[in-house]
Amino acid sequence: MTNPQPHSTRSEELRSFVFMTVVMAPVLSGVLIASYGFLVWIYQMLIGGPPHA
C-alpha cells in the first residue's frame, strides 16, 4: 500500500521561495553576524582586550 505524496503547486513553491528570501535569509545573516561578534567579544575577554597598535 503506497501513499503517494501530492505534488506541490506553483503557488506553494512561490510562497516557500518568498519566505526563504524575505524571512530566512536576513534572519540567518543576522544570527551569523551576531555569533561572530559574540565570539570576538569572548576571545577579547580571554586575551585581555583588543590588540594594541
PDB file of N, CA and C in Angstrom:
ATOM      1  N   MET A   1       0.838  -1.188   0.000  1.00  0.00           N
ATOM      2  CA  MET A   1       0.000   0.000   0.000  1.00  0.00           C
ATOM      3  C   MET A   1       0.880   1.249   0.000  1.00  0.00           C
ATOM      4  N   THR A   2       0.819   1.957  -1.075  1.00  0.00           N
ATOM      5  CA  THR A   2       1.593   3.184  -1.163  1.00  0.00           C
ATOM      6  C   THR A   2       0.688   4.378  -0.977  1.00  0.00           C
ATOM      7  N   ASN A   3       1.243   5.383  -0.335  1.00  0.00           N
ATOM      8  CA  ASN A   3       0.509   6.623  -0.122  1.00  0.00           C
ATOM      9  C   ASN A   3       1.220   7.713  -0.910  1.00  0.00           C
ATOM     10  N   PRO A   4       0.784   7.969  -2.137  1.00  0.00           N
ATOM     11  CA  PRO A   4       1.501   8.945  -2.966  1.00  0.00           C
ATOM     12  C   PRO A   4       1.408  10.354  -2.381  1.00  0.00           C
ATOM     13  N   GLN A   5       2.545  11.045  -2.389  1.00  0.00           N
ATOM     14  CA  GLN A   5       2.569  12.428  -1.907  1.00  0.00           C
ATOM     15  C   GLN A   5       1.959  13.329  -2.982  1.00  0.00           C
ATOM     16  N   PRO A   6       1.141  14.292  -2.579  1.00  0.00           N
ATOM     17  CA  PRO A   6       0.594  15.225  -3.575  1.00  0.00           C
ATOM     18  C   PRO A   6       1.709  16.122  -4.107  1.00  0.00           C
ATOM     19  N   HIS A   7       1.653  16.422  -5.384  1.00  0.00           N
ATOM     20  CA  HIS A   7       2.654  17.284  -5.996  1.00  0.00           C
ATOM     21  C   HIS A   7       2.473  18.715  -5.494  1.00  0.00           C
ATOM     22  N   SER A   8       3.590  19.401  -5.255  1.00  0.00           N
ATOM     23  CA  SER A   8       3.491  20.784  -4.809  1.00  0.00           C
ATOM     24  C   SER A   8       3.047  21.661  -5.968  1.00  0.00           C
ATOM     25  N   THR A   9       2.279  22.637  -5.646  1.00  0.00           N
ATOM     26  CA  THR A   9       1.768  23.534  -6.677  1.00  0.00           C
ATOM     27  C   THR A   9       2.720  24.710  -6.855  1.00  0.00           C
ATOM     28  N   ARG A  10       2.536  25.406  -7.922  1.00  0.00           N
ATOM     29  CA  ARG A  10       3.390  26.560  -8.220  1.00  0.00           C
ATOM     30  C   ARG A  10       3.241  27.627  -7.133  1.00  0.00           C
ATOM     31  N   SER A  11       2.037  27.822  -6.607  1.00  0.00           N
ATOM     32  CA  SER A  11       1.837  28.848  -5.575  1.00  0.00           C
ATOM     33  C   SER A  11       2.539  28.454  -4.270  1.00  0.00           C
ATOM     34  N   GLU A  12       2.554  27.158  -3.941  1.00  0.00           N
ATOM     35  CA  GLU A  12       3.274  26.722  -2.742  1.00  0.00           C
ATOM     36  C   GLU A  12       4.766  26.948  -2.897  1.00  0.00           C
ATOM     37  N   GLU A  13       5.291  26.657  -4.090  1.00  0.00           N
ATOM     38  CA  GLU A  13       6.711  26.875  -4.337  1.00  0.00           C
ATOM     39  C   GLU A  13       7.052  28.357  -4.269  1.00  0.00           C
ATOM     40  N   LEU A  14       6.205  29.211  -4.830  1.00  0.00           N
ATOM     41  CA  LEU A  14       6.440  30.643  -4.779  1.00  0.00           C
ATOM     42  C   LEU A  14       6.386  31.153  -3.338  1.00  0.00           C
ATOM     43  N   ARG A  15       5.428  30.673  -2.558  1.00  0.00           N
ATOM     44  CA  ARG A  15       5.309  31.079  -1.161  1.00  0.00           C
ATOM     45  C   ARG A  15       6.536  30.644  -0.367  1.00  0.00           C
ATOM     46  N   SER A  16       7.026  29.442  -0.613  1.00  0.00           N
ATOM     47  CA  SER A  16       8.229  28.955   0.058  1.00  0.00           C
ATOM     48  C   SER A  16       9.445  29.788  -0.324  1.00  0.00           C
ATOM     49  N   PHE A  17       9.576  30.113  -1.606  1.00  0.00           N
ATOM     50  CA  PHE A  17      10.699  30.921  -2.062  1.00  0.00           C
ATOM     51  C   PHE A  17      10.679  32.303  -1.417  1.00  0.00           C
ATOM     52  N   VAL A  18       9.510  32.934  -1.396  1.00  0.00           N
ATOM     53  CA  VAL A  18       9.394  34.268  -0.794  1.00  0.00           C
ATOM     54  C   VAL A  18       9.711  34.202   0.692  1.00  0.00           C
ATOM     55  N   PHE A  19       9.236  33.191   1.380  1.00  0.00           N
ATOM     56  CA  PHE A  19       9.529  33.050   2.807  1.00  0.00           C
ATOM     57  C   PHE A  19      11.026  32.909   3.044  1.00  0.00           C
ATOM     58  N   MET A  20      11.682  32.076   2.237  1.00  0.00           N
ATOM     59  CA  MET A  20      13.124  31.866   2.434  1.00  0.00           C
ATOM     60  C   MET A  20      13.922  33.122   2.124  1.00  0.00           C
ATOM     61  N   THR A  21      13.533  33.874   1.101  1.00  0.00           N
ATOM     62  CA  THR A  21      14.314  35.049   0.725  1.00  0.00           C
ATOM     63  C   THR A  21      14.001  36.262   1.587  1.00  0.00           C
ATOM     64  N   VAL A  22      12.741  36.433   1.995  1.00  0.00           N
ATOM     65  CA  VAL A  22      12.359  37.623   2.755  1.00  0.00           C
ATOM     66  C   VAL A  22      12.561  37.433   4.252  1.00  0.00           C
ATOM     67  N   VAL A  23      12.365  36.217   4.761  1.00  0.00           N
ATOM     68  CA  VAL A  23      12.447  35.987   6.202  1.00  0.00           C
ATOM     69  C   VAL A  23      13.724  35.258   6.590  1.00  0.00           C
ATOM     70  N   MET A  24      13.957  34.101   6.010  1.00  0.00           N
ATOM     71  CA  MET A  24      15.056  33.254   6.488  1.00  0.00           C
ATOM     72  C   MET A  24      16.437  33.809   6.160  1.00  0.00           C
ATOM     73  N   ALA A  25      16.653  34.371   4.989  1.00  0.00           N
ATOM     74  CA  ALA A  25      17.980  34.887   4.630  1.00  0.00           C
ATOM     75  C   ALA A  25      18.414  36.014   5.566  1.00  0.00           C
ATOM     76  N   PRO A  26      17.577  37.032   5.843  1.00  0.00           N
ATOM     77  CA  PRO A  26      18.008  38.067   6.783  1.00  0.00           C
ATOM     78  C   PRO A  26      18.187  37.545   8.212  1.00  0.00           C
ATOM     79  N   VAL A  27      17.333  36.627   8.634  1.00  0.00           N
ATOM     80  CA  VAL A  27      17.467  36.074   9.979  1.00  0.00           C
ATOM     81  C   VAL A  27      18.768  35.298  10.109  1.00  0.00           C
ATOM     82  N   LEU A  28      19.075  34.448   9.142  1.00  0.00           N
ATOM     83  CA  LEU A  28      20.316  33.686   9.197  1.00  0.00           C
ATOM     84  C   LEU A  28      21.535  34.593   9.107  1.00  0.00           C
ATOM     85  N   SER A  29      21.468  35.637   8.312  1.00  0.00           N
ATOM     86  CA  SER A  29      22.574  36.592   8.233  1.00  0.00           C
ATOM     87  C   SER A  29      22.780  37.288   9.567  1.00  0.00           C
ATOM     88  N   GLY A  30      21.703  37.706  10.192  1.00  0.00           N
ATOM     89  CA  GLY A  30      21.804  38.357  11.499  1.00  0.00           C
ATOM     90  C   GLY A  30      22.374  37.433  12.554  1.00  0.00           C
ATOM     91  N   VAL A  31      21.941  36.196  12.559  1.00  0.00           N
ATOM     92  CA  VAL A  31      22.459  35.219  13.527  1.00  0.00           C
ATOM     93  C   VAL A  31      23.949  34.983  13.297  1.00  0.00           C
ATOM     94  N   LEU A  32      24.356  34.878  12.051  1.00  0.00           N
ATOM     95  CA  LEU A  32      25.769  34.666  11.737  1.00  0.00           C
ATOM     96  C   LEU A  32      26.622  35.852  12.197  1.00  0.00           C
ATOM     97  N   ILE A  33      26.182  37.072  11.929  1.00  0.00           N
ATOM     98  CA  ILE A  33      26.927  38.260  12.327  1.00  0.00           C
ATOM     99  C   ILE A  33      26.961  38.387  13.846  1.00  0.00           C
ATOM    100  N   ALA A  34      25.839  38.122  14.504  1.00  0.00           N
ATOM    101  CA  ALA A  34      25.796  38.217  15.967  1.00  0.00           C
ATOM    102  C   ALA A  34      26.677  37.164  16.621  1.00  0.00           C
ATOM    103  N   SER A  35      26.692  35.953  16.082  1.00  0.00           N
ATOM    104  CA  SER A  35      27.526  34.914  16.680  1.00  0.00           C
ATOM    105  C   SER A  35      29.002  35.218  16.472  1.00  0.00           C
ATOM    106  N   TYR A  36      29.377  35.799  15.332  1.00  0.00           N
ATOM    107  CA  TYR A  36      30.768  36.194  15.120  1.00  0.00           C
ATOM    108  C   TYR A  36      31.164  37.296  16.105  1.00  0.00           C
ATOM    109  N   GLY A  37      30.306  38.280  16.290  1.00  0.00           N
ATOM    110  CA  GLY A  37      30.578  39.342  17.260  1.00  0.00           C
ATOM    111  C   GLY A  37      30.702  38.793  18.671  1.00  0.00           C
ATOM    112  N   PHE A  38      29.870  37.850  19.027  1.00  0.00           N
ATOM    113  CA  PHE A  38      29.935  37.233  20.350  1.00  0.00           C
ATOM    114  C   PHE A  38      31.249  36.479  20.520  1.00  0.00           C
ATOM    115  N   LEU A  39      31.673  35.745  19.504  1.00  0.00           N
ATOM    116  CA  LEU A  39      32.945  35.017  19.585  1.00  0.00           C
ATOM    117  C   LEU A  39      34.125  35.970  19.729  1.00  0.00           C
ATOM    118  N   VAL A  40      34.112  37.077  19.003  1.00  0.00           N
ATOM    119  CA  VAL A  40      35.186  38.064  19.126  1.00  0.00           C
ATOM    120  C   VAL A  40      35.182  38.666  20.523  1.00  0.00           C
ATOM    121  N   TRP A  41      34.024  38.955  21.067  1.00  0.00           N
ATOM    122  CA  TRP A  41      33.901  39.518  22.411  1.00  0.00           C
ATOM    123  C   TRP A  41      34.458  38.550  23.455  1.00  0.00           C
ATOM    124  N   ILE A  42      34.095  37.280  23.367  1.00  0.00           N
ATOM    125  CA  ILE A  42      34.612  36.275  24.305  1.00  0.00           C
ATOM    126  C   ILE A  42      36.125  36.142  24.151  1.00  0.00           C
ATOM    127  N   TYR A  43      36.606  36.096  22.910  1.00  0.00           N
ATOM    128  CA  TYR A  43      38.040  35.978  22.665  1.00  0.00           C
ATOM    129  C   TYR A  43      38.791  37.161  23.279  1.00  0.00           C
ATOM    130  N   GLN A  44      38.275  38.368  23.119  1.00  0.00           N
ATOM    131  CA  GLN A  44      38.941  39.537  23.684  1.00  0.00           C
ATOM    132  C   GLN A  44      38.888  39.542  25.207  1.00  0.00           C
ATOM    133  N   MET A  45      37.830  38.998  25.782  1.00  0.00           N
ATOM    134  CA  MET A  45      37.800  38.873  27.242  1.00  0.00           C
ATOM    135  C   MET A  45      38.878  37.907  27.720  1.00  0.00           C
ATOM    136  N   LEU A  46      39.126  36.844  26.977  1.00  0.00           N
ATOM    137  CA  LEU A  46      40.121  35.845  27.381  1.00  0.00           C
ATOM    138  C   LEU A  46      41.555  36.341  27.220  1.00  0.00           C
ATOM    139  N   ILE A  47      41.820  37.121  26.178  1.00  0.00           N
ATOM    140  CA  ILE A  47      43.199  37.551  25.950  1.00  0.00           C
ATOM    141  C   ILE A  47      43.494  38.917  26.561  1.00  0.00           C
ATOM    142  N   GLY A  48      42.506  39.588  27.137  1.00  0.00           N
ATOM    143  CA  GLY A  48      42.754  40.850  27.815  1.00  0.00           C
ATOM    144  C   GLY A  48      42.498  42.092  26.988  1.00  0.00           C
ATOM    145  N   GLY A  49      41.593  42.056  26.085  1.00  0.00           N
ATOM    146  CA  GLY A  49      41.212  43.251  25.317  1.00  0.00           C
ATOM    147  C   GLY A  49      41.727  43.200  23.902  1.00  0.00           C
ATOM    148  N   PRO A  50      41.374  44.245  23.128  1.00  0.00           N
ATOM    149  CA  PRO A  50      41.820  44.274  21.741  1.00  0.00           C
ATOM    150  C   PRO A  50      43.328  44.495  21.664  1.00  0.00           C
ATOM    151  N   PRO A  51      43.944  44.073  20.592  1.00  0.00           N
ATOM    152  CA  PRO A  51      45.390  44.265  20.466  1.00  0.00           C
ATOM    153  C   PRO A  51      45.750  45.738  20.302  1.00  0.00           C
ATOM    154  N   HIS A  52      46.916  46.108  20.787  1.00  0.00           N
ATOM    155  CA  HIS A  52      47.377  47.490  20.679  1.00  0.00           C
ATOM    156  C   HIS A  52      48.213  47.645  19.430  1.00  0.00           C
ATOM    157  N   ALA A  53      48.049  48.780  18.771  1.00  0.00           N
ATOM    158  CA  ALA A  53      48.779  49.001  17.517  1.00  0.00           C
ATOM    159  C   ALA A  53      50.196  49.471  17.736  1.00  0.00           C
TER     160      ALA A  53
END
